[in-house]
């Protein structure tokens, strides 16, 4: 479990990124921090591995104040995946994945063998192991980044807008891959994004942030969609003026879910009852019927 206790971060130029922020991040769940630029989400993420230290307050992991832990040792025990993969361009795929285990003293042969296994885990062929990052597609690079983040089998995986630099089709594939990995590996994942749809798809717990790290609402996707805490949340998730309201139209013998702007949200199957189109963790739908 990760806990932020009245955390404040003020940078040397006087900017207050977060102010008196408190939150419990449950273990073995995916918590998504979502907000626009300036909401402090990346600053909060980087406090967990001490890439940023708070000006005031405390961050705890399993009741241990992480300020008492050596930063380098802490970072090597936590997986970290960033937006542009952050791969070392002069190292091959297998050596990128094996980097942290080697730094922790794992024998080279074992580290490389484990790295090959991680390529399997993230859905990459082993034939890519000896290629360099520049020889990979953007989606492949991000998968290598995820493999590297998992290389020390961390309990905690931090992901800072990891899918923001790829095209929409690849992004969707990577999102579904993360859902699958979480079901398989059962990590404590902290994920940062500015995309509310991505947050609702991936998050067991979603934290909507306003400027300065103020929590506008925290809850499951279902809780937030069904009861936005205020006008800001309603606007942020697109619920104002009924934008997320769905109705059923018949087209070609099928019942189609359509939103308030006429866009198709899904197709009803089964009992033909109206369903909510909000995705929940694992890609399932919170619904009485089934949507595809």
C-alpha atoms as a PDB file:
ATOM      1  CA  UNK A   1       0.000   0.000   0.000  1.00  0.00           C
ATOM      2  CA  UNK A   2       1.157   3.512  -0.861  1.00  0.00           C
ATOM      3  CA  UNK A   3       0.042   6.467   1.227  1.00  0.00           C
ATOM      4  CA  UNK A   4       0.475  10.193   0.671  1.00  0.00           C
ATOM      5  CA  UNK A   5       0.241  12.030   3.982  1.00  0.00           C
ATOM      6  CA  UNK A   6      -0.394  15.811   3.710  1.00  0.00           C
ATOM      7  CA  UNK A   7       2.198  16.108   0.940  1.00  0.00           C
ATOM      8  CA  UNK A   8       3.220  19.494  -0.461  1.00  0.00           C
ATOM      9  CA  UNK A   9       5.768  20.169  -3.186  1.00  0.00           C
ATOM     10  CA  UNK A  10       7.071  23.665  -3.892  1.00  0.00           C
ATOM     11  CA  UNK A  11       9.766  24.049  -6.527  1.00  0.00           C
ATOM     12  CA  UNK A  12      12.640  26.563  -6.244  1.00  0.00           C
ATOM     13  CA  UNK A  13      10.884  29.017  -8.592  1.00  0.00           C
ATOM     14  CA  UNK A  14       8.011  29.216  -6.116  1.00  0.00           C
ATOM     15  CA  UNK A  15       5.600  27.005  -8.074  1.00  0.00           C
ATOM     16  CA  UNK A  16       3.440  24.856  -5.778  1.00  0.00           C
ATOM     17  CA  UNK A  17       2.807  21.643  -7.724  1.00  0.00           C
ATOM     18  CA  UNK A  18       0.762  19.947  -5.008  1.00  0.00           C
ATOM     19  CA  UNK A  19      -0.504  21.268  -1.701  1.00  0.00           C
ATOM     20  CA  UNK A  20      -1.523  19.240   1.360  1.00  0.00           C
ATOM     21  CA  UNK A  21      -2.281  16.149  -0.703  1.00  0.00           C
ATOM     22  CA  UNK A  22      -3.428  12.955   1.028  1.00  0.00           C
ATOM     23  CA  UNK A  23      -4.412   9.675  -0.624  1.00  0.00           C
ATOM     24  CA  UNK A  24      -4.260   5.932  -0.031  1.00  0.00           C
ATOM     25  CA  UNK A  25      -3.343   3.798  -3.051  1.00  0.00           C
ATOM     26  CA  UNK A  26      -4.481   0.218  -2.419  1.00  0.00           C
ATOM     27  CA  UNK A  27      -2.166  -2.679  -3.111  1.00  0.00           C
ATOM     28  CA  UNK A  28      -2.590  -4.948  -6.132  1.00  0.00           C
ATOM     29  CA  UNK A  29      -4.954  -2.516  -7.845  1.00  0.00           C
ATOM     30  CA  UNK A  30      -4.527   0.007 -10.641  1.00  0.00           C
ATOM     31  CA  UNK A  31      -4.880   3.606  -9.499  1.00  0.00           C
ATOM     32  CA  UNK A  32      -5.036   6.219 -12.248  1.00  0.00           C
ATOM     33  CA  UNK A  33      -4.141   9.867 -11.608  1.00  0.00           C
ATOM     34  CA  UNK A  34      -5.906  11.904 -14.278  1.00  0.00           C
ATOM     35  CA  UNK A  35      -5.920  15.638 -14.860  1.00  0.00           C
ATOM     36  CA  UNK A  36      -4.834  18.389 -17.187  1.00  0.00           C
ATOM     37  CA  UNK A  37      -1.380  20.003 -17.264  1.00  0.00           C
ATOM     38  CA  UNK A  38      -0.498  21.579 -13.933  1.00  0.00           C
ATOM     39  CA  UNK A  39      -2.604  19.226 -11.845  1.00  0.00           C
ATOM     40  CA  UNK A  40       0.486  17.693 -10.224  1.00  0.00           C
ATOM     41  CA  UNK A  41      -0.087  14.123 -11.373  1.00  0.00           C
ATOM     42  CA  UNK A  42       3.456  13.461 -12.622  1.00  0.00           C
ATOM     43  CA  UNK A  43       4.971  15.152  -9.562  1.00  0.00           C
ATOM     44  CA  UNK A  44       2.945  12.836  -7.332  1.00  0.00           C
ATOM     45  CA  UNK A  45       3.988   9.771  -9.319  1.00  0.00           C
ATOM     46  CA  UNK A  46       7.671  10.698  -9.051  1.00  0.00           C
ATOM     47  CA  UNK A  47       7.406  11.146  -5.309  1.00  0.00           C
ATOM     48  CA  UNK A  48       6.779   7.406  -5.005  1.00  0.00           C
ATOM     49  CA  UNK A  49      10.278   6.496  -6.223  1.00  0.00           C
ATOM     50  CA  UNK A  50      11.902   9.651  -4.825  1.00  0.00           C
ATOM     51  CA  UNK A  51      12.685  11.217  -8.168  1.00  0.00           C
ATOM     52  CA  UNK A  52      10.946  14.142  -6.472  1.00  0.00           C
ATOM     53  CA  UNK A  53      10.990  14.651  -2.712  1.00  0.00           C
ATOM     54  CA  UNK A  54       8.127  16.516  -1.011  1.00  0.00           C
ATOM     55  CA  UNK A  55       8.706  19.894   0.587  1.00  0.00           C
ATOM     56  CA  UNK A  56       6.396  18.867   3.405  1.00  0.00           C
ATOM     57  CA  UNK A  57       4.477  15.763   4.380  1.00  0.00           C
ATOM     58  CA  UNK A  58       5.346  12.129   3.908  1.00  0.00           C
ATOM     59  CA  UNK A  59       5.011   9.288   1.414  1.00  0.00           C
ATOM     60  CA  UNK A  60       4.801   5.783   2.878  1.00  0.00           C
ATOM     61  CA  UNK A  61       5.007   2.338   1.339  1.00  0.00           C
ATOM     62  CA  UNK A  62       3.652  -0.378   3.605  1.00  0.00           C
ATOM     63  CA  UNK A  63       3.854   2.072   6.545  1.00  0.00           C
ATOM     64  CA  UNK A  64       7.534   2.874   5.906  1.00  0.00           C
ATOM     65  CA  UNK A  65       8.453   6.515   5.350  1.00  0.00           C
ATOM     66  CA  UNK A  66      10.342   6.297   2.053  1.00  0.00           C
ATOM     67  CA  UNK A  67      12.488   9.335   2.966  1.00  0.00           C
ATOM     68  CA  UNK A  68      14.358   6.913   5.247  1.00  0.00           C
ATOM     69  CA  UNK A  69      15.229   4.652   2.303  1.00  0.00           C
ATOM     70  CA  UNK A  70      18.219   5.154  -0.028  1.00  0.00           C
ATOM     71  CA  UNK A  71      16.810   6.654  -3.259  1.00  0.00           C
ATOM     72  CA  UNK A  72      18.788   4.448  -5.646  1.00  0.00           C
ATOM     73  CA  UNK A  73      17.884   1.253  -3.821  1.00  0.00           C
ATOM     74  CA  UNK A  74      14.229   2.316  -3.722  1.00  0.00           C
ATOM     75  CA  UNK A  75      14.135   3.105  -7.455  1.00  0.00           C
ATOM     76  CA  UNK A  76      15.642  -0.235  -8.374  1.00  0.00           C
ATOM     77  CA  UNK A  77      12.839  -1.992  -6.509  1.00  0.00           C
ATOM     78  CA  UNK A  78      10.053  -0.116  -8.310  1.00  0.00           C
ATOM     79  CA  UNK A  79       9.146  -0.500 -11.976  1.00  0.00           C
ATOM     80  CA  UNK A  80       8.978   2.729 -13.984  1.00  0.00           C
ATOM     81  CA  UNK A  81       7.615   3.198 -17.507  1.00  0.00           C
ATOM     82  CA  UNK A  82       7.673   6.625 -19.165  1.00  0.00           C
ATOM     83  CA  UNK A  83       5.977   8.160 -22.186  1.00  0.00           C
ATOM     84  CA  UNK A  84       8.748   7.770 -24.767  1.00  0.00           C
ATOM     85  CA  UNK A  85       9.927   4.394 -23.445  1.00  0.00           C
ATOM     86  CA  UNK A  86      13.246   5.900 -22.286  1.00  0.00           C
ATOM     87  CA  UNK A  87      15.215   3.053 -23.835  1.00  0.00           C
ATOM     88  CA  UNK A  88      18.980   3.360 -24.097  1.00  0.00           C
ATOM     89  CA  UNK A  89      19.549   3.791 -27.866  1.00  0.00           C
ATOM     90  CA  UNK A  90      23.008   2.183 -27.862  1.00  0.00           C
ATOM     91  CA  UNK A  91      21.811  -1.014 -26.203  1.00  0.00           C
ATOM     92  CA  UNK A  92      19.879  -3.877 -27.722  1.00  0.00           C
ATOM     93  CA  UNK A  93      16.371  -4.773 -26.621  1.00  0.00           C
ATOM     94  CA  UNK A  94      17.541  -7.621 -24.411  1.00  0.00           C
ATOM     95  CA  UNK A  95      20.200  -5.472 -22.761  1.00  0.00           C
ATOM     96  CA  UNK A  96      17.703  -2.657 -22.151  1.00  0.00           C
ATOM     97  CA  UNK A  97      15.361  -5.065 -20.378  1.00  0.00           C
ATOM     98  CA  UNK A  98      18.213  -6.571 -18.349  1.00  0.00           C
ATOM     99  CA  UNK A  99      19.652  -3.189 -17.254  1.00  0.00           C
ATOM    100  CA  UNK A 100      18.267  -2.954 -13.707  1.00  0.00           C
ATOM    101  CA  UNK A 101      18.721  -6.642 -12.795  1.00  0.00           C
ATOM    102  CA  UNK A 102      22.385  -6.326 -13.817  1.00  0.00           C
ATOM    103  CA  UNK A 103      22.751  -3.221 -11.653  1.00  0.00           C
ATOM    104  CA  UNK A 104      21.307  -5.214  -8.761  1.00  0.00           C
ATOM    105  CA  UNK A 105      23.918  -7.921  -9.205  1.00  0.00           C
ATOM    106  CA  UNK A 106      21.970 -10.565 -11.112  1.00  0.00           C
ATOM    107  CA  UNK A 107      24.392 -12.699 -13.194  1.00  0.00           C
ATOM    108  CA  UNK A 108      24.399 -11.619 -16.838  1.00  0.00           C
ATOM    109  CA  UNK A 109      23.294 -14.994 -18.197  1.00  0.00           C
ATOM    110  CA  UNK A 110      20.277 -15.144 -15.875  1.00  0.00           C
ATOM    111  CA  UNK A 111      19.373 -11.487 -16.454  1.00  0.00           C
ATOM    112  CA  UNK A 112      19.334 -11.989 -20.222  1.00  0.00           C
ATOM    113  CA  UNK A 113      17.380 -15.243 -19.966  1.00  0.00           C
ATOM    114  CA  UNK A 114      14.814 -13.551 -17.733  1.00  0.00           C
ATOM    115  CA  UNK A 115      14.649 -10.675 -20.221  1.00  0.00           C
ATOM    116  CA  UNK A 116      13.698 -13.101 -22.987  1.00  0.00           C
ATOM    117  CA  UNK A 117      10.889 -14.401 -20.810  1.00  0.00           C
ATOM    118  CA  UNK A 118       9.653 -10.851 -20.278  1.00  0.00           C
ATOM    119  CA  UNK A 119       9.485 -10.308 -24.029  1.00  0.00           C
ATOM    120  CA  UNK A 120       7.076 -13.246 -24.069  1.00  0.00           C
ATOM    121  CA  UNK A 121       5.102 -11.664 -21.239  1.00  0.00           C
ATOM    122  CA  UNK A 122       4.584  -8.363 -23.043  1.00  0.00           C
ATOM    123  CA  UNK A 123       3.775 -10.007 -26.365  1.00  0.00           C
ATOM    124  CA  UNK A 124       7.005  -9.405 -28.281  1.00  0.00           C
ATOM    125  CA  UNK A 125       8.783 -12.073 -30.366  1.00  0.00           C
ATOM    126  CA  UNK A 126      12.208 -13.093 -29.122  1.00  0.00           C
ATOM    127  CA  UNK A 127      13.559 -12.369 -32.601  1.00  0.00           C
ATOM    128  CA  UNK A 128      13.579  -8.687 -31.590  1.00  0.00           C
ATOM    129  CA  UNK A 129      15.994  -9.272 -28.710  1.00  0.00           C
ATOM    130  CA  UNK A 130      19.122  -8.257 -30.610  1.00  0.00           C
ATOM    131  CA  UNK A 131      17.617  -5.223 -32.334  1.00  0.00           C
ATOM    132  CA  UNK A 132      18.166  -1.644 -31.233  1.00  0.00           C
ATOM    133  CA  UNK A 133      15.330   0.704 -30.215  1.00  0.00           C
ATOM    134  CA  UNK A 134      15.569   2.659 -33.469  1.00  0.00           C
ATOM    135  CA  UNK A 135      14.710  -0.546 -35.340  1.00  0.00           C
ATOM    136  CA  UNK A 136      11.389  -0.936 -33.504  1.00  0.00           C
ATOM    137  CA  UNK A 137       7.986   0.658 -33.984  1.00  0.00           C
ATOM    138  CA  UNK A 138       6.674   3.024 -31.328  1.00  0.00           C
ATOM    139  CA  UNK A 139       4.368   0.353 -29.946  1.00  0.00           C
ATOM    140  CA  UNK A 140       7.187  -2.180 -29.788  1.00  0.00           C
ATOM    141  CA  UNK A 141       9.393   0.312 -27.948  1.00  0.00           C
ATOM    142  CA  UNK A 142       6.675   0.876 -25.351  1.00  0.00           C
ATOM    143  CA  UNK A 143       6.299  -2.868 -24.831  1.00  0.00           C
ATOM    144  CA  UNK A 144      10.053  -3.100 -24.266  1.00  0.00           C
ATOM    145  CA  UNK A 145       9.701  -0.255 -21.776  1.00  0.00           C
ATOM    146  CA  UNK A 146       7.021  -2.195 -19.903  1.00  0.00           C
ATOM    147  CA  UNK A 147       9.217  -5.315 -19.948  1.00  0.00           C
ATOM    148  CA  UNK A 148      12.087  -3.311 -18.480  1.00  0.00           C
ATOM    149  CA  UNK A 149       9.770  -1.935 -15.798  1.00  0.00           C
ATOM    150  CA  UNK A 150       8.858  -5.501 -14.842  1.00  0.00           C
ATOM    151  CA  UNK A 151      12.409  -6.820 -14.946  1.00  0.00           C
ATOM    152  CA  UNK A 152      12.960  -6.897 -11.177  1.00  0.00           C
ATOM    153  CA  UNK A 153       9.472  -8.313 -10.527  1.00  0.00           C
ATOM    154  CA  UNK A 154       8.462  -5.176  -8.601  1.00  0.00           C
ATOM    155  CA  UNK A 155       5.451  -4.977  -6.343  1.00  0.00           C
ATOM    156  CA  UNK A 156       4.887  -1.409  -7.619  1.00  0.00           C
ATOM    157  CA  UNK A 157       4.784  -0.314 -11.258  1.00  0.00           C
ATOM    158  CA  UNK A 158       4.728   3.415 -12.052  1.00  0.00           C
ATOM    159  CA  UNK A 159       3.530   4.449 -15.519  1.00  0.00           C
ATOM    160  CA  UNK A 160       3.817   8.091 -16.607  1.00  0.00           C
ATOM    161  CA  UNK A 161       1.581   8.589 -19.683  1.00  0.00           C
ATOM    162  CA  UNK A 162       3.228   5.528 -21.260  1.00  0.00           C
ATOM    163  CA  UNK A 163       0.916   5.324 -24.270  1.00  0.00           C
ATOM    164  CA  UNK A 164       0.657   9.025 -25.085  1.00  0.00           C
ATOM    165  CA  UNK A 165       3.184   9.023 -27.950  1.00  0.00           C
ATOM    166  CA  UNK A 166       1.703   6.239 -30.084  1.00  0.00           C
ATOM    167  CA  UNK A 167      -1.156   6.278 -32.578  1.00  0.00           C
ATOM    168  CA  UNK A 168      -4.722   5.527 -31.391  1.00  0.00           C
ATOM    169  CA  UNK A 169      -4.819   1.943 -32.690  1.00  0.00           C
ATOM    170  CA  UNK A 170      -1.524   0.988 -31.040  1.00  0.00           C
ATOM    171  CA  UNK A 171      -2.570   2.853 -27.900  1.00  0.00           C
ATOM    172  CA  UNK A 172      -5.716   0.755 -27.624  1.00  0.00           C
ATOM    173  CA  UNK A 173      -3.688  -2.432 -28.091  1.00  0.00           C
ATOM    174  CA  UNK A 174      -1.261  -1.372 -25.350  1.00  0.00           C
ATOM    175  CA  UNK A 175      -4.110  -0.506 -22.993  1.00  0.00           C
ATOM    176  CA  UNK A 176      -5.623  -3.952 -23.453  1.00  0.00           C
ATOM    177  CA  UNK A 177      -2.181  -5.493 -22.960  1.00  0.00           C
ATOM    178  CA  UNK A 178      -1.814  -3.676 -19.648  1.00  0.00           C
ATOM    179  CA  UNK A 179      -5.236  -4.944 -18.541  1.00  0.00           C
ATOM    180  CA  UNK A 180      -4.125  -8.488 -19.388  1.00  0.00           C
ATOM    181  CA  UNK A 181      -0.785  -8.069 -17.609  1.00  0.00           C
ATOM    182  CA  UNK A 182      -2.436  -6.743 -14.469  1.00  0.00           C
ATOM    183  CA  UNK A 183      -4.801  -9.703 -14.366  1.00  0.00           C
ATOM    184  CA  UNK A 184      -1.803 -12.005 -14.750  1.00  0.00           C
ATOM    185  CA  UNK A 185       0.769 -10.278 -12.524  1.00  0.00           C
ATOM    186  CA  UNK A 186      -1.348  -8.583  -9.829  1.00  0.00           C
ATOM    187  CA  UNK A 187       0.850  -5.497  -9.275  1.00  0.00           C
ATOM    188  CA  UNK A 188       0.201  -2.201  -7.539  1.00  0.00           C
ATOM    189  CA  UNK A 189       0.035   0.059 -10.585  1.00  0.00           C
ATOM    190  CA  UNK A 190       0.028   3.852 -10.463  1.00  0.00           C
ATOM    191  CA  UNK A 191      -0.814   5.236 -13.898  1.00  0.00           C
ATOM    192  CA  UNK A 192      -0.754   8.888 -14.990  1.00  0.00           C
ATOM    193  CA  UNK A 193      -2.810  10.169 -17.925  1.00  0.00           C
ATOM    194  CA  UNK A 194      -4.701  13.236 -19.124  1.00  0.00           C
ATOM    195  CA  UNK A 195      -7.221  11.018 -20.970  1.00  0.00           C
ATOM    196  CA  UNK A 196     -10.365  10.263 -18.965  1.00  0.00           C
ATOM    197  CA  UNK A 197     -11.377   7.402 -21.281  1.00  0.00           C
ATOM    198  CA  UNK A 198      -8.028   5.725 -20.640  1.00  0.00           C
ATOM    199  CA  UNK A 199      -8.461   6.311 -16.914  1.00  0.00           C
ATOM    200  CA  UNK A 200     -11.891   4.682 -16.889  1.00  0.00           C
ATOM    201  CA  UNK A 201     -10.668   1.733 -18.947  1.00  0.00           C
ATOM    202  CA  UNK A 202      -7.627   0.949 -16.784  1.00  0.00           C
ATOM    203  CA  UNK A 203      -8.396   2.157 -13.289  1.00  0.00           C
ATOM    204  CA  UNK A 204      -9.786   0.261 -10.336  1.00  0.00           C
ATOM    205  CA  UNK A 205      -9.453   3.609  -8.555  1.00  0.00           C
ATOM    206  CA  UNK A 206      -9.526   6.871 -10.506  1.00  0.00           C
ATOM    207  CA  UNK A 207      -8.294  10.130  -8.964  1.00  0.00           C
ATOM    208  CA  UNK A 208      -9.415  13.260 -10.817  1.00  0.00           C
ATOM    209  CA  UNK A 209      -7.064  16.141 -10.064  1.00  0.00           C
ATOM    210  CA  UNK A 210      -7.460  19.879 -10.383  1.00  0.00           C
ATOM    211  CA  UNK A 211      -4.719  22.495 -10.455  1.00  0.00           C
ATOM    212  CA  UNK A 212      -2.190  22.115  -7.658  1.00  0.00           C
ATOM    213  CA  UNK A 213      -2.974  18.483  -6.912  1.00  0.00           C
ATOM    214  CA  UNK A 214      -6.430  19.157  -5.461  1.00  0.00           C
ATOM    215  CA  UNK A 215      -8.552  15.983  -5.518  1.00  0.00           C
ATOM    216  CA  UNK A 216     -11.819  16.762  -7.268  1.00  0.00           C
ATOM    217  CA  UNK A 217     -13.079  13.189  -6.862  1.00  0.00           C
ATOM    218  CA  UNK A 218     -11.736   9.729  -6.171  1.00  0.00           C
ATOM    219  CA  UNK A 219     -13.611   6.486  -6.781  1.00  0.00           C
ATOM    220  CA  UNK A 220     -14.223   3.658  -9.197  1.00  0.00           C
ATOM    221  CA  UNK A 221     -15.182   4.512 -12.795  1.00  0.00           C
ATOM    222  CA  UNK A 222     -18.751   3.436 -12.003  1.00  0.00           C
ATOM    223  CA  UNK A 223     -18.951   5.680  -8.934  1.00  0.00           C
ATOM    224  CA  UNK A 224     -17.591   8.727 -10.767  1.00  0.00           C
ATOM    225  CA  UNK A 225     -19.768   8.256 -13.835  1.00  0.00           C
ATOM    226  CA  UNK A 226     -22.936   7.688 -11.832  1.00  0.00           C
ATOM    227  CA  UNK A 227     -22.379  10.532  -9.368  1.00  0.00           C
ATOM    228  CA  UNK A 228     -19.900  13.278 -10.390  1.00  0.00           C
ATOM    229  CA  UNK A 229     -18.864  15.163  -7.254  1.00  0.00           C
ATOM    230  CA  UNK A 230     -19.216  18.648  -8.735  1.00  0.00           C
ATOM    231  CA  UNK A 231     -19.490  20.669 -11.932  1.00  0.00           C
ATOM    232  CA  UNK A 232     -15.752  20.399 -12.588  1.00  0.00           C
ATOM    233  CA  UNK A 233     -15.888  16.588 -12.550  1.00  0.00           C
ATOM    234  CA  UNK A 234     -19.038  16.519 -14.655  1.00  0.00           C
ATOM    235  CA  UNK A 235     -17.345  18.717 -17.244  1.00  0.00           C
ATOM    236  CA  UNK A 236     -14.064  16.784 -17.126  1.00  0.00           C
ATOM    237  CA  UNK A 237     -15.705  13.404 -17.728  1.00  0.00           C
ATOM    238  CA  UNK A 238     -18.095  14.804 -20.328  1.00  0.00           C
ATOM    239  CA  UNK A 239     -21.247  14.281 -18.277  1.00  0.00           C
ATOM    240  CA  UNK A 240     -22.528  17.869 -18.475  1.00  0.00           C
ATOM    241  CA  UNK A 241     -25.599  18.426 -20.640  1.00  0.00           C
ATOM    242  CA  UNK A 242     -26.075  14.667 -20.907  1.00  0.00           C
ATOM    243  CA  UNK A 243     -23.051  14.002 -23.133  1.00  0.00           C
ATOM    244  CA  UNK A 244     -22.636  10.527 -21.638  1.00  0.00           C
ATOM    245  CA  UNK A 245     -26.326   9.689 -21.822  1.00  0.00           C
ATOM    246  CA  UNK A 246     -26.964   6.776 -24.180  1.00  0.00           C
ATOM    247  CA  UNK A 247     -30.026   5.649 -26.067  1.00  0.00           C
ATOM    248  CA  UNK A 248     -30.843   2.655 -28.240  1.00  0.00           C
ATOM    249  CA  UNK A 249     -31.414   2.826 -31.981  1.00  0.00           C
ATOM    250  CA  UNK A 250     -32.140  -0.075 -34.336  1.00  0.00           C
ATOM    251  CA  UNK A 251     -29.913  -0.414 -37.394  1.00  0.00           C
ATOM    252  CA  UNK A 252     -29.856  -3.398 -39.733  1.00  0.00           C
ATOM    253  CA  UNK A 253     -31.536  -5.672 -37.221  1.00  0.00           C
ATOM    254  CA  UNK A 254     -29.170  -4.757 -34.390  1.00  0.00           C
ATOM    255  CA  UNK A 255     -29.759  -2.546 -31.344  1.00  0.00           C
ATOM    256  CA  UNK A 256     -27.039   0.088 -31.296  1.00  0.00           C
ATOM    257  CA  UNK A 257     -26.083   2.308 -28.352  1.00  0.00           C
ATOM    258  CA  UNK A 258     -25.756   5.935 -29.457  1.00  0.00           C
ATOM    259  CA  UNK A 259     -24.540   8.893 -27.397  1.00  0.00           C
ATOM    260  CA  UNK A 260     -26.049  12.376 -27.264  1.00  0.00           C
ATOM    261  CA  UNK A 261     -23.932  13.497 -30.218  1.00  0.00           C
ATOM    262  CA  UNK A 262     -25.011  10.607 -32.422  1.00  0.00           C
ATOM    263  CA  UNK A 263     -21.823   8.567 -32.086  1.00  0.00           C
ATOM    264  CA  UNK A 264     -22.061   4.795 -31.781  1.00  0.00           C
ATOM    265  CA  UNK A 265     -20.893   3.499 -28.393  1.00  0.00           C
ATOM    266  CA  UNK A 266     -21.575  -0.210 -28.836  1.00  0.00           C
ATOM    267  CA  UNK A 267     -23.980  -2.919 -29.931  1.00  0.00           C
ATOM    268  CA  UNK A 268     -26.427  -4.626 -27.563  1.00  0.00           C
ATOM    269  CA  UNK A 269     -26.506  -8.409 -27.412  1.00  0.00           C
ATOM    270  CA  UNK A 270     -28.268 -10.815 -25.086  1.00  0.00           C
ATOM    271  CA  UNK A 271     -31.285  -9.491 -23.227  1.00  0.00           C
ATOM    272  CA  UNK A 272     -31.562  -6.259 -25.269  1.00  0.00           C
ATOM    273  CA  UNK A 273     -31.735  -4.042 -22.219  1.00  0.00           C
ATOM    274  CA  UNK A 274     -30.028  -0.629 -22.204  1.00  0.00           C
ATOM    275  CA  UNK A 275     -26.529  -0.768 -20.803  1.00  0.00           C
ATOM    276  CA  UNK A 276     -23.953   1.707 -19.606  1.00  0.00           C
ATOM    277  CA  UNK A 277     -20.998   1.977 -21.930  1.00  0.00           C
ATOM    278  CA  UNK A 278     -18.439   2.894 -19.284  1.00  0.00           C
ATOM    279  CA  UNK A 279     -15.492   0.475 -19.441  1.00  0.00           C
ATOM    280  CA  UNK A 280     -14.341  -1.090 -16.225  1.00  0.00           C
ATOM    281  CA  UNK A 281     -10.965  -2.707 -15.369  1.00  0.00           C
ATOM    282  CA  UNK A 282     -10.376  -5.756 -17.480  1.00  0.00           C
ATOM    283  CA  UNK A 283     -12.268  -4.245 -20.390  1.00  0.00           C
ATOM    284  CA  UNK A 284     -15.645  -5.480 -19.144  1.00  0.00           C
ATOM    285  CA  UNK A 285     -18.742  -3.291 -19.097  1.00  0.00           C
ATOM    286  CA  UNK A 286     -20.752  -2.201 -16.108  1.00  0.00           C
ATOM    287  CA  UNK A 287     -24.097  -3.211 -17.487  1.00  0.00           C
ATOM    288  CA  UNK A 288     -27.188  -5.297 -17.129  1.00  0.00           C
ATOM    289  CA  UNK A 289     -26.811  -6.548 -20.673  1.00  0.00           C
ATOM    290  CA  UNK A 290     -23.677  -7.054 -22.698  1.00  0.00           C
ATOM    291  CA  UNK A 291     -22.079  -4.597 -25.102  1.00  0.00           C
ATOM    292  CA  UNK A 292     -19.586  -5.311 -27.800  1.00  0.00           C
END
